[in-house]
Amino acid sequence: MQVSPSYFQVNPSSGVPIYRQLMDQVRALVASGRLTEGDLLPSVRQVAQDLQVNQMTVSKAYSLLEHDGVVERVRGQGMRVNHKSPRGTVKERQDELRPLLEQVATQAYQLALTRQQVMAALAPLLKERGNE
């Protein structure tokens, strides 16, 4: 299966390098089971064009994912998910999300937003992605 470039989103003002955001998203998609063994990642050119980022940024993310064994380069096809990765426990997946949540919590505190205001901002984003 070919993955759509729209699977990926970047936030240039997040403080996290864009290549790292892409890597984290691929890892999360594999951990969640949304990307499985043999799935093809969109081409570097497609992702760069869709996200309006430099192709070298996407290439760096893909190369590092290949180095880490998450994906493999297949001549004439591109990059595909290398091997079946266990989904991981809920705790393991939550641990992967924790650094981002810490950033959100810190930013919310700095903006003097209440818990309810943060949750109200998060709920529609989760709903858009089918995580109701």
N, C-alpha and C. Protein backbone atom coordinates (compact mmCIF):
# COMPACT_ATOMS: atom_id res chain seq x y z
N MET A 1 0.84 -1.18 0.00
CA MET A 1 0.00 0.00 0.00
C MET A 1 0.88 1.24 0.00
N GLN A 2 0.52 2.22 -0.80
CA GLN A 2 1.23 3.50 -0.84
C GLN A 2 0.56 4.44 0.14
N VAL A 3 1.34 5.02 1.04
CA VAL A 3 0.84 5.96 2.03
C VAL A 3 0.73 7.33 1.40
N SER A 4 -0.34 8.04 1.72
CA SER A 4 -0.55 9.39 1.20
C SER A 4 0.37 10.38 1.91
N PRO A 5 0.90 11.36 1.19
CA PRO A 5 1.72 12.39 1.84
C PRO A 5 0.95 13.16 2.89
N SER A 6 -0.39 13.16 2.79
CA SER A 6 -1.20 13.90 3.75
C SER A 6 -1.19 13.24 5.13
N TYR A 7 -0.59 12.07 5.27
CA TYR A 7 -0.40 11.44 6.58
C TYR A 7 0.48 12.31 7.46
N PHE A 8 1.31 13.13 6.84
CA PHE A 8 2.31 13.90 7.57
C PHE A 8 1.91 15.36 7.69
N GLN A 9 2.23 15.92 8.84
CA GLN A 9 2.01 17.34 9.07
C GLN A 9 3.22 17.85 9.83
N VAL A 10 3.60 19.07 9.55
CA VAL A 10 4.72 19.67 10.27
C VAL A 10 4.31 21.02 10.83
N ASN A 11 4.97 21.38 11.89
CA ASN A 11 4.75 22.68 12.52
C ASN A 11 6.11 23.36 12.62
N PRO A 12 6.44 24.24 11.67
CA PRO A 12 7.76 24.88 11.65
C PRO A 12 8.07 25.69 12.92
N SER A 13 7.06 26.13 13.63
CA SER A 13 7.31 26.95 14.82
C SER A 13 7.33 26.15 16.11
N SER A 14 7.32 24.82 16.02
CA SER A 14 7.26 23.99 17.22
C SER A 14 8.57 23.92 18.00
N GLY A 15 9.67 24.27 17.35
CA GLY A 15 10.97 24.13 18.00
C GLY A 15 11.61 22.78 17.75
N VAL A 16 10.85 21.84 17.18
CA VAL A 16 11.37 20.52 16.84
C VAL A 16 11.72 20.55 15.35
N PRO A 17 12.95 20.15 14.99
CA PRO A 17 13.32 20.17 13.57
C PRO A 17 12.32 19.38 12.73
N ILE A 18 12.07 19.87 11.52
CA ILE A 18 11.07 19.25 10.66
C ILE A 18 11.43 17.80 10.35
N TYR A 19 12.70 17.51 10.10
CA TYR A 19 13.07 16.12 9.81
C TYR A 19 12.72 15.23 10.99
N ARG A 20 12.88 15.75 12.21
CA ARG A 20 12.58 14.98 13.42
C ARG A 20 11.06 14.78 13.56
N GLN A 21 10.30 15.80 13.20
CA GLN A 21 8.84 15.67 13.24
C GLN A 21 8.39 14.55 12.30
N LEU A 22 8.98 14.51 11.10
CA LEU A 22 8.63 13.46 10.13
C LEU A 22 9.01 12.08 10.66
N MET A 23 10.20 11.98 11.22
CA MET A 23 10.65 10.70 11.77
C MET A 23 9.71 10.23 12.88
N ASP A 24 9.37 11.13 13.78
CA ASP A 24 8.49 10.79 14.89
C ASP A 24 7.12 10.34 14.39
N GLN A 25 6.64 10.99 13.34
CA GLN A 25 5.33 10.63 12.80
C GLN A 25 5.36 9.24 12.15
N VAL A 26 6.43 8.94 11.41
CA VAL A 26 6.53 7.61 10.81
C VAL A 26 6.60 6.55 11.90
N ARG A 27 7.42 6.79 12.91
CA ARG A 27 7.53 5.83 14.02
C ARG A 27 6.19 5.63 14.71
N ALA A 28 5.46 6.72 14.93
CA ALA A 28 4.16 6.63 15.59
C ALA A 28 3.16 5.86 14.73
N LEU A 29 3.18 6.10 13.41
CA LEU A 29 2.28 5.38 12.52
C LEU A 29 2.59 3.89 12.49
N VAL A 30 3.86 3.54 12.58
CA VAL A 30 4.25 2.13 12.63
C VAL A 30 3.82 1.53 13.98
N ALA A 31 4.08 2.24 15.06
CA ALA A 31 3.74 1.74 16.40
C ALA A 31 2.23 1.54 16.55
N SER A 32 1.45 2.41 15.91
CA SER A 32 0.00 2.32 16.04
C SER A 32 -0.60 1.27 15.12
N GLY A 33 0.20 0.78 14.18
CA GLY A 33 -0.30 -0.21 13.22
C GLY A 33 -0.92 0.41 11.98
N ARG A 34 -0.90 1.74 11.88
CA ARG A 34 -1.44 2.39 10.69
C ARG A 34 -0.51 2.20 9.50
N LEU A 35 0.77 2.04 9.76
CA LEU A 35 1.74 1.64 8.74
C LEU A 35 2.20 0.23 9.11
N THR A 36 2.12 -0.66 8.16
CA THR A 36 2.51 -2.05 8.44
C THR A 36 3.61 -2.49 7.48
N GLU A 37 4.14 -3.64 7.75
CA GLU A 37 5.21 -4.19 6.94
C GLU A 37 4.84 -4.16 5.46
N GLY A 38 5.75 -3.61 4.65
CA GLY A 38 5.55 -3.56 3.20
C GLY A 38 4.88 -2.30 2.70
N ASP A 39 4.29 -1.50 3.58
CA ASP A 39 3.69 -0.24 3.14
C ASP A 39 4.78 0.68 2.60
N LEU A 40 4.50 1.35 1.50
CA LEU A 40 5.45 2.27 0.89
C LEU A 40 5.20 3.69 1.37
N LEU A 41 6.28 4.37 1.75
CA LEU A 41 6.18 5.77 2.11
C LEU A 41 6.08 6.59 0.84
N PRO A 42 5.43 7.75 0.90
CA PRO A 42 5.40 8.61 -0.29
C PRO A 42 6.81 9.06 -0.64
N SER A 43 7.02 9.42 -1.89
CA SER A 43 8.36 9.83 -2.33
C SER A 43 8.79 11.10 -1.61
N VAL A 44 10.09 11.30 -1.56
CA VAL A 44 10.66 12.51 -0.97
C VAL A 44 10.05 13.73 -1.64
N ARG A 45 9.98 13.70 -2.96
CA ARG A 45 9.44 14.83 -3.71
C ARG A 45 7.98 15.10 -3.34
N GLN A 46 7.17 14.04 -3.23
CA GLN A 46 5.76 14.21 -2.89
C GLN A 46 5.58 14.85 -1.51
N VAL A 47 6.32 14.34 -0.54
CA VAL A 47 6.19 14.85 0.83
C VAL A 47 6.66 16.30 0.88
N ALA A 48 7.81 16.58 0.26
CA ALA A 48 8.34 17.95 0.28
C ALA A 48 7.36 18.92 -0.37
N GLN A 49 6.78 18.51 -1.47
CA GLN A 49 5.83 19.37 -2.17
C GLN A 49 4.56 19.57 -1.33
N ASP A 50 4.04 18.49 -0.77
CA ASP A 50 2.80 18.57 0.01
C ASP A 50 2.97 19.44 1.26
N LEU A 51 4.12 19.31 1.92
CA LEU A 51 4.36 20.05 3.16
C LEU A 51 5.06 21.38 2.93
N GLN A 52 5.47 21.64 1.69
CA GLN A 52 6.20 22.85 1.33
C GLN A 52 7.48 22.99 2.16
N VAL A 53 8.27 21.91 2.14
CA VAL A 53 9.57 21.91 2.81
C VAL A 53 10.63 21.47 1.81
N ASN A 54 11.88 21.66 2.17
CA ASN A 54 12.99 21.29 1.31
C ASN A 54 13.07 19.77 1.18
N GLN A 55 13.35 19.30 -0.04
CA GLN A 55 13.48 17.86 -0.27
C GLN A 55 14.58 17.23 0.59
N MET A 56 15.64 18.01 0.85
CA MET A 56 16.74 17.48 1.66
C MET A 56 16.28 17.18 3.10
N THR A 57 15.32 17.93 3.58
CA THR A 57 14.77 17.70 4.92
C THR A 57 14.08 16.34 4.98
N VAL A 58 13.25 16.07 3.98
CA VAL A 58 12.54 14.79 3.92
C VAL A 58 13.54 13.66 3.70
N SER A 59 14.50 13.88 2.82
CA SER A 59 15.52 12.88 2.55
C SER A 59 16.30 12.52 3.81
N LYS A 60 16.62 13.52 4.62
CA LYS A 60 17.34 13.29 5.86
C LYS A 60 16.50 12.42 6.80
N ALA A 61 15.22 12.73 6.92
CA ALA A 61 14.33 11.94 7.78
C ALA A 61 14.28 10.49 7.31
N TYR A 62 14.10 10.29 6.01
CA TYR A 62 14.03 8.94 5.46
C TYR A 62 15.34 8.19 5.65
N SER A 63 16.46 8.87 5.44
CA SER A 63 17.78 8.22 5.61
C SER A 63 18.00 7.79 7.05
N LEU A 64 17.63 8.63 7.99
CA LEU A 64 17.78 8.28 9.40
C LEU A 64 16.84 7.14 9.80
N LEU A 65 15.63 7.13 9.25
CA LEU A 65 14.71 6.02 9.51
C LEU A 65 15.26 4.72 8.93
N GLU A 66 15.89 4.83 7.77
CA GLU A 66 16.52 3.64 7.16
C GLU A 66 17.67 3.16 8.03
N HIS A 67 18.48 4.09 8.50
CA HIS A 67 19.61 3.74 9.37
C HIS A 67 19.13 3.04 10.64
N ASP A 68 17.98 3.48 11.16
CA ASP A 68 17.42 2.90 12.39
C ASP A 68 16.66 1.60 12.13
N GLY A 69 16.52 1.21 10.85
CA GLY A 69 15.86 -0.05 10.54
C GLY A 69 14.35 0.02 10.48
N VAL A 70 13.79 1.21 10.52
CA VAL A 70 12.33 1.35 10.47
C VAL A 70 11.82 1.13 9.05
N VAL A 71 12.57 1.64 8.07
CA VAL A 71 12.20 1.47 6.66
C VAL A 71 13.41 0.94 5.91
N GLU A 72 13.15 0.47 4.70
CA GLU A 72 14.24 0.03 3.83
C GLU A 72 14.01 0.58 2.44
N ARG A 73 15.12 0.84 1.75
CA ARG A 73 15.05 1.37 0.39
C ARG A 73 14.89 0.18 -0.57
N VAL A 74 13.89 0.26 -1.44
CA VAL A 74 13.65 -0.78 -2.43
C VAL A 74 13.82 -0.15 -3.80
N ARG A 75 14.80 -0.64 -4.52
CA ARG A 75 15.12 -0.06 -5.83
C ARG A 75 13.88 -0.03 -6.72
N GLY A 76 13.61 1.16 -7.26
CA GLY A 76 12.49 1.34 -8.17
C GLY A 76 11.14 1.55 -7.50
N GLN A 77 11.09 1.39 -6.17
CA GLN A 77 9.81 1.54 -5.47
C GLN A 77 9.86 2.65 -4.43
N GLY A 78 10.99 2.85 -3.82
CA GLY A 78 11.12 3.85 -2.77
C GLY A 78 11.37 3.23 -1.41
N MET A 79 10.81 3.84 -0.40
CA MET A 79 11.02 3.38 0.97
C MET A 79 9.78 2.63 1.45
N ARG A 80 10.00 1.48 2.07
CA ARG A 80 8.87 0.75 2.61
C ARG A 80 9.15 0.36 4.06
N VAL A 81 8.09 0.18 4.78
CA VAL A 81 8.21 -0.22 6.18
C VAL A 81 8.93 -1.56 6.20
N ASN A 82 10.00 -1.61 6.97
CA ASN A 82 10.94 -2.72 6.92
C ASN A 82 10.41 -4.02 7.48
N HIS A 83 9.86 -3.98 8.63
CA HIS A 83 9.45 -5.22 9.27
C HIS A 83 8.25 -4.95 10.14
N LYS A 84 7.58 -6.01 10.45
CA LYS A 84 6.43 -5.88 11.31
C LYS A 84 6.90 -5.37 12.66
N SER A 85 6.31 -4.31 13.09
CA SER A 85 6.67 -3.73 14.37
C SER A 85 5.51 -3.94 15.31
N PRO A 86 5.78 -4.43 16.50
CA PRO A 86 4.67 -4.61 17.43
C PRO A 86 4.06 -3.25 17.75
N ARG A 87 2.78 -3.26 17.95
CA ARG A 87 2.09 -2.02 18.23
C ARG A 87 2.57 -1.42 19.54
N GLY A 88 3.01 -2.22 20.44
CA GLY A 88 3.42 -1.71 21.74
C GLY A 88 2.21 -1.58 22.64
N THR A 89 2.48 -1.57 23.90
CA THR A 89 1.40 -1.43 24.87
C THR A 89 0.90 0.01 24.85
N VAL A 90 -0.24 0.21 25.45
CA VAL A 90 -0.77 1.58 25.56
C VAL A 90 0.23 2.43 26.31
N LYS A 91 0.83 1.89 27.35
CA LYS A 91 1.82 2.63 28.14
C LYS A 91 3.00 3.05 27.28
N GLU A 92 3.50 2.15 26.43
CA GLU A 92 4.63 2.47 25.55
C GLU A 92 4.26 3.56 24.56
N ARG A 93 3.05 3.49 24.03
CA ARG A 93 2.61 4.51 23.08
C ARG A 93 2.39 5.85 23.78
N GLN A 94 1.90 5.80 25.01
CA GLN A 94 1.74 7.04 25.78
C GLN A 94 3.10 7.65 26.10
N ASP A 95 4.06 6.80 26.41
CA ASP A 95 5.42 7.29 26.70
C ASP A 95 6.01 8.00 25.49
N GLU A 96 5.68 7.52 24.29
CA GLU A 96 6.17 8.16 23.07
C GLU A 96 5.53 9.54 22.87
N LEU A 97 4.31 9.68 23.34
CA LEU A 97 3.57 10.93 23.21
C LEU A 97 3.95 11.96 24.28
N ARG A 98 4.50 11.49 25.38
CA ARG A 98 4.76 12.36 26.53
C ARG A 98 5.58 13.61 26.24
N PRO A 99 6.69 13.55 25.48
CA PRO A 99 7.45 14.78 25.23
C PRO A 99 6.62 15.88 24.56
N LEU A 100 5.75 15.49 23.64
CA LEU A 100 4.90 16.48 22.99
C LEU A 100 3.87 17.05 23.97
N LEU A 101 3.34 16.18 24.81
CA LEU A 101 2.38 16.65 25.80
C LEU A 101 3.03 17.59 26.81
N GLU A 102 4.28 17.33 27.15
CA GLU A 102 5.00 18.23 28.05
C GLU A 102 5.15 19.61 27.43
N GLN A 103 5.43 19.66 26.12
CA GLN A 103 5.52 20.94 25.43
C GLN A 103 4.18 21.67 25.46
N VAL A 104 3.10 20.93 25.22
CA VAL A 104 1.77 21.53 25.24
C VAL A 104 1.45 22.06 26.63
N ALA A 105 1.74 21.26 27.66
CA ALA A 105 1.45 21.67 29.04
C ALA A 105 2.24 22.92 29.41
N THR A 106 3.50 22.98 29.02
CA THR A 106 4.32 24.15 29.31
C THR A 106 3.79 25.39 28.60
N GLN A 107 3.47 25.23 27.32
CA GLN A 107 2.94 26.35 26.54
C GLN A 107 1.60 26.82 27.11
N ALA A 108 0.75 25.88 27.51
CA ALA A 108 -0.55 26.23 28.09
C ALA A 108 -0.36 27.02 29.39
N TYR A 109 0.60 26.58 30.21
CA TYR A 109 0.88 27.30 31.46
C TYR A 109 1.35 28.72 31.16
N GLN A 110 2.26 28.85 30.20
CA GLN A 110 2.79 30.17 29.84
C GLN A 110 1.71 31.09 29.29
N LEU A 111 0.72 30.51 28.64
CA LEU A 111 -0.38 31.29 28.08
C LEU A 111 -1.54 31.45 29.07
N ALA A 112 -1.37 30.93 30.26
CA ALA A 112 -2.38 31.01 31.32
C ALA A 112 -3.71 30.40 30.89
N LEU A 113 -3.63 29.26 30.20
CA LEU A 113 -4.83 28.54 29.79
C LEU A 113 -5.18 27.49 30.84
N THR A 114 -6.45 27.33 31.11
CA THR A 114 -6.88 26.32 32.07
C THR A 114 -6.88 24.94 31.41
N ARG A 115 -7.00 23.93 32.24
CA ARG A 115 -7.08 22.55 31.75
C ARG A 115 -8.24 22.41 30.77
N GLN A 116 -9.39 22.99 31.14
CA GLN A 116 -10.57 22.89 30.30
C GLN A 116 -10.36 23.59 28.95
N GLN A 117 -9.66 24.71 28.97
CA GLN A 117 -9.41 25.43 27.72
C GLN A 117 -8.47 24.63 26.81
N VAL A 118 -7.48 23.98 27.40
CA VAL A 118 -6.57 23.16 26.61
C VAL A 118 -7.30 21.96 26.03
N MET A 119 -8.11 21.30 26.85
CA MET A 119 -8.86 20.13 26.38
C MET A 119 -9.86 20.54 25.29
N ALA A 120 -10.46 21.72 25.44
CA ALA A 120 -11.40 22.21 24.43
C ALA A 120 -10.68 22.47 23.11
N ALA A 121 -9.43 22.90 23.16
CA ALA A 121 -8.65 23.13 21.94
C ALA A 121 -8.20 21.80 21.33
N LEU A 122 -7.93 20.80 22.16
CA LEU A 122 -7.44 19.51 21.69
C LEU A 122 -8.55 18.63 21.10
N ALA A 123 -9.72 18.69 21.69
CA ALA A 123 -10.82 17.81 21.28
C ALA A 123 -11.14 17.88 19.79
N PRO A 124 -11.28 19.07 19.19
CA PRO A 124 -11.58 19.08 17.75
C PRO A 124 -10.45 18.53 16.89
N LEU A 125 -9.21 18.69 17.34
CA LEU A 125 -8.07 18.15 16.58
C LEU A 125 -8.11 16.63 16.59
N LEU A 126 -8.42 16.05 17.74
CA LEU A 126 -8.54 14.60 17.82
C LEU A 126 -9.71 14.11 16.98
N LYS A 127 -10.80 14.85 17.02
CA LYS A 127 -11.99 14.47 16.25
C LYS A 127 -11.70 14.47 14.75
N GLU A 128 -10.94 15.47 14.27
CA GLU A 128 -10.57 15.54 12.85
C GLU A 128 -9.84 14.29 12.39
N ARG A 129 -9.07 13.70 13.29
CA ARG A 129 -8.26 12.54 12.94
C ARG A 129 -8.92 11.22 13.32
N GLY A 130 -10.18 11.29 13.73
CA GLY A 130 -10.90 10.06 14.06
C GLY A 130 -10.58 9.50 15.43
N ASN A 131 -10.06 10.32 16.32
CA ASN A 131 -9.71 9.87 17.67
C ASN A 131 -10.71 10.40 18.69
N GLU A 132 -11.95 10.15 18.49
CA GLU A 132 -12.96 10.70 19.41
C GLU A 132 -12.92 10.01 20.73
